[in-house]
Amino acid sequence: MKKIFYTNKVHLEYNFNSLLSTLSIMKKFENESLKDSEFKNYIQKNLNISSKKKLFDKIIKIHDWVNENIQYQEDNYDETIIAPRILIYICKGDCDDFALITKTILKYFNINSNYILLAKEKNNYTHIANVIDFQNNLLYIDATMKISKFPKQYLYYKIIKG
């Protein structure tokens, strides 16, 4: 790896402008990881997804790979965002790391996705996952869960395009 992008102690306040700043950092990490040949080779080798596979099967394979290979671990202090090209070696992260690597791998395989922010209270977003526009429906993808199922305790959500 030529350059390591690893941000720690990114302070997340529970307002939307701070979240947009965090999402901007995540987008930067996504793009840098997709330019990294070592990361791309790792993903190609370890996921081994044929271009002939159906779209839904590709999505499931990516979800399952992230769920089985990355261990959920809360951040020790404040908020830490780990670039996907680093996460494949650390293999531990929280929901933003799961969402980021999932989105990055989906993009690597030419599958467009968005982030979905979830909140139990209005404008207090505490969880992030991915959504895909699939057959005129939104497909919720949360690799922190063995089976992606929209958590009922979250009453509010916001989809972040891009």
Protein backbone atom coordinates (compact mmCIF):
# COMPACT_ATOMS: atom_id res chain seq x y z
CA MET A 1 0.00 0.00 0.00
CA LYS A 2 1.41 3.33 -1.02
CA LYS A 3 -0.57 5.48 1.33
CA ILE A 4 -2.61 4.59 4.38
CA PHE A 5 -5.86 6.46 4.88
CA TYR A 6 -6.96 5.83 8.41
CA THR A 7 -8.71 8.50 10.40
CA ASN A 8 -9.18 8.17 14.08
CA LYS A 9 -10.98 10.30 16.60
CA VAL A 10 -13.35 11.89 14.11
CA HIS A 11 -15.77 13.64 16.41
CA LEU A 12 -19.35 12.84 15.49
CA GLU A 13 -21.92 15.20 16.88
CA TYR A 14 -25.49 14.25 16.36
CA ASN A 15 -26.37 16.90 13.84
CA PHE A 16 -26.73 16.44 10.15
CA ASN A 17 -23.86 18.74 9.10
CA SER A 18 -21.39 16.71 11.15
CA LEU A 19 -22.73 13.54 9.58
CA LEU A 20 -22.24 15.00 6.12
CA SER A 21 -18.61 15.71 7.02
CA THR A 22 -18.16 12.11 8.17
CA LEU A 23 -19.81 10.83 4.98
CA SER A 24 -17.41 12.97 2.96
CA ILE A 25 -14.47 11.24 4.66
CA MET A 26 -16.08 7.86 3.97
CA LYS A 27 -16.43 8.77 0.27
CA LYS A 28 -12.73 9.69 0.17
CA PHE A 29 -11.78 6.35 1.74
CA GLU A 30 -14.04 4.51 -0.73
CA ASN A 31 -12.39 6.20 -3.71
CA GLU A 32 -8.86 5.67 -2.39
CA SER A 33 -9.55 1.99 -1.72
CA LEU A 34 -10.91 1.51 -5.24
CA LYS A 35 -7.69 2.96 -6.66
CA ASP A 36 -5.53 0.62 -4.58
CA SER A 37 -4.44 -2.39 -6.67
CA GLU A 38 -3.67 -4.48 -3.58
CA PHE A 39 -7.21 -3.92 -2.28
CA LYS A 40 -8.78 -4.73 -5.66
CA ASN A 41 -6.72 -7.90 -6.02
CA TYR A 42 -7.68 -8.97 -2.50
CA ILE A 43 -11.38 -8.44 -3.18
CA GLN A 44 -11.26 -10.23 -6.54
CA LYS A 45 -9.40 -13.19 -5.08
CA ASN A 46 -11.37 -13.55 -1.84
CA LEU A 47 -14.87 -12.90 -3.13
CA ASN A 48 -14.40 -14.64 -6.47
CA ILE A 49 -17.64 -13.29 -7.94
CA SER A 50 -18.26 -14.25 -11.53
CA SER A 51 -19.65 -11.59 -13.86
CA LYS A 52 -22.21 -14.22 -14.89
CA LYS A 53 -23.77 -14.32 -11.42
CA LYS A 54 -27.21 -12.75 -11.04
CA LEU A 55 -27.29 -9.35 -9.37
CA PHE A 56 -29.11 -10.56 -6.24
CA ASP A 57 -26.63 -13.43 -5.82
CA LYS A 58 -23.72 -10.97 -6.05
CA ILE A 59 -25.30 -8.75 -3.40
CA ILE A 60 -25.84 -11.71 -1.06
CA LYS A 61 -22.27 -12.96 -1.59
CA ILE A 62 -20.85 -9.51 -0.75
CA HIS A 63 -23.07 -9.15 2.33
CA ASP A 64 -22.14 -12.62 3.58
CA TRP A 65 -18.43 -12.10 2.97
CA VAL A 66 -18.37 -8.84 4.96
CA ASN A 67 -20.50 -10.34 7.73
CA GLU A 68 -18.30 -13.43 8.04
CA ASN A 69 -14.90 -11.73 7.69
CA ILE A 70 -15.27 -8.50 9.65
CA GLN A 71 -15.92 -8.69 13.38
CA TYR A 72 -18.22 -6.09 14.92
CA GLN A 73 -16.42 -3.99 17.51
CA GLU A 74 -17.53 -0.65 18.93
CA ASP A 75 -15.05 2.20 18.67
CA ASN A 76 -13.02 2.60 21.86
CA TYR A 77 -13.07 6.37 21.90
CA ASP A 78 -15.18 8.78 19.92
CA GLU A 79 -15.58 7.77 16.26
CA THR A 80 -13.05 5.93 14.14
CA ILE A 81 -13.51 5.39 10.42
CA ILE A 82 -11.34 2.73 8.83
CA ALA A 83 -10.63 2.73 5.11
CA PRO A 84 -11.74 -0.51 3.42
CA ARG A 85 -8.21 -1.19 2.20
CA ILE A 86 -7.09 -1.20 5.84
CA LEU A 87 -10.18 -2.96 7.23
CA ILE A 88 -9.45 -6.11 5.21
CA TYR A 89 -6.35 -6.53 7.41
CA ILE A 90 -7.72 -5.28 10.74
CA CYS A 91 -10.98 -7.25 10.31
CA LYS A 92 -12.75 -5.31 13.09
CA GLY A 93 -15.03 -2.31 12.90
CA ASP A 94 -18.38 -0.83 13.76
CA CYS A 95 -21.43 -0.07 11.63
CA ASP A 96 -19.85 2.77 9.66
CA ASP A 97 -16.91 0.54 8.75
CA PHE A 98 -19.26 -2.28 7.69
CA ALA A 99 -21.33 0.13 5.58
CA LEU A 100 -18.22 1.65 4.02
CA ILE A 101 -16.58 -1.63 3.02
CA THR A 102 -19.89 -3.02 1.78
CA LYS A 103 -20.50 0.05 -0.39
CA THR A 104 -16.91 -0.04 -1.68
CA ILE A 105 -17.08 -3.72 -2.64
CA LEU A 106 -20.49 -3.27 -4.25
CA LYS A 107 -19.06 -0.41 -6.30
CA TYR A 108 -16.05 -2.55 -7.26
CA PHE A 109 -18.52 -5.02 -8.77
CA ASN A 110 -20.44 -2.17 -10.49
CA ILE A 111 -23.40 -2.29 -8.13
CA ASN A 112 -24.69 1.14 -7.12
CA SER A 113 -25.69 1.60 -3.50
CA ASN A 114 -26.42 4.36 -1.03
CA TYR A 115 -26.04 4.80 2.69
CA ILE A 116 -29.05 4.76 4.96
CA LEU A 117 -28.81 6.57 8.29
CA LEU A 118 -31.08 5.28 11.05
CA ALA A 119 -32.38 6.99 14.18
CA LYS A 120 -34.55 6.06 17.12
CA GLU A 121 -35.22 9.75 17.74
CA LYS A 122 -35.70 12.38 15.05
CA ASN A 123 -32.36 13.68 13.68
CA ASN A 124 -30.31 11.56 16.12
CA TYR A 125 -28.75 9.11 13.65
CA THR A 126 -26.91 6.33 15.43
CA HIS A 127 -26.66 3.57 12.83
CA ILE A 128 -25.64 3.35 9.18
CA ALA A 129 -26.15 0.60 6.61
CA ASN A 130 -26.61 0.36 2.84
CA VAL A 131 -29.55 0.32 0.45
CA ILE A 132 -29.79 -0.67 -3.19
CA ASP A 133 -32.54 0.22 -5.63
CA PHE A 134 -33.45 -3.33 -6.62
CA GLN A 135 -36.39 -4.12 -8.90
CA ASN A 136 -38.15 -0.85 -7.95
CA ASN A 137 -37.72 -1.52 -4.23
CA LEU A 138 -35.12 -0.52 -1.70
CA LEU A 139 -33.08 -3.51 -0.63
CA TYR A 140 -31.74 -2.98 2.92
CA ILE A 141 -28.23 -4.36 3.39
CA ASP A 142 -26.73 -4.41 6.87
CA ALA A 143 -23.60 -6.55 7.00
CA THR A 144 -23.46 -6.18 10.80
CA MET A 145 -26.36 -8.69 10.78
CA LYS A 146 -26.29 -12.28 9.57
CA ILE A 147 -29.62 -11.62 7.86
CA SER A 148 -30.30 -8.03 6.80
CA LYS A 149 -33.60 -7.00 8.27
CA PHE A 150 -34.61 -3.38 8.83
CA PRO A 151 -34.44 -2.92 12.62
CA LYS A 152 -37.88 -1.95 13.92
CA GLN A 153 -36.45 0.10 16.80
CA TYR A 154 -35.34 2.76 14.29
CA LEU A 155 -38.27 5.05 13.57
CA TYR A 156 -36.46 7.52 11.31
CA TYR A 157 -34.15 7.12 8.37
CA LYS A 158 -32.42 9.22 5.75
CA ILE A 159 -30.98 7.88 2.50
CA ILE A 160 -27.72 9.51 1.42
CA LYS A 161 -27.29 9.30 -2.35
CA GLY A 162 -23.87 8.80 -3.86
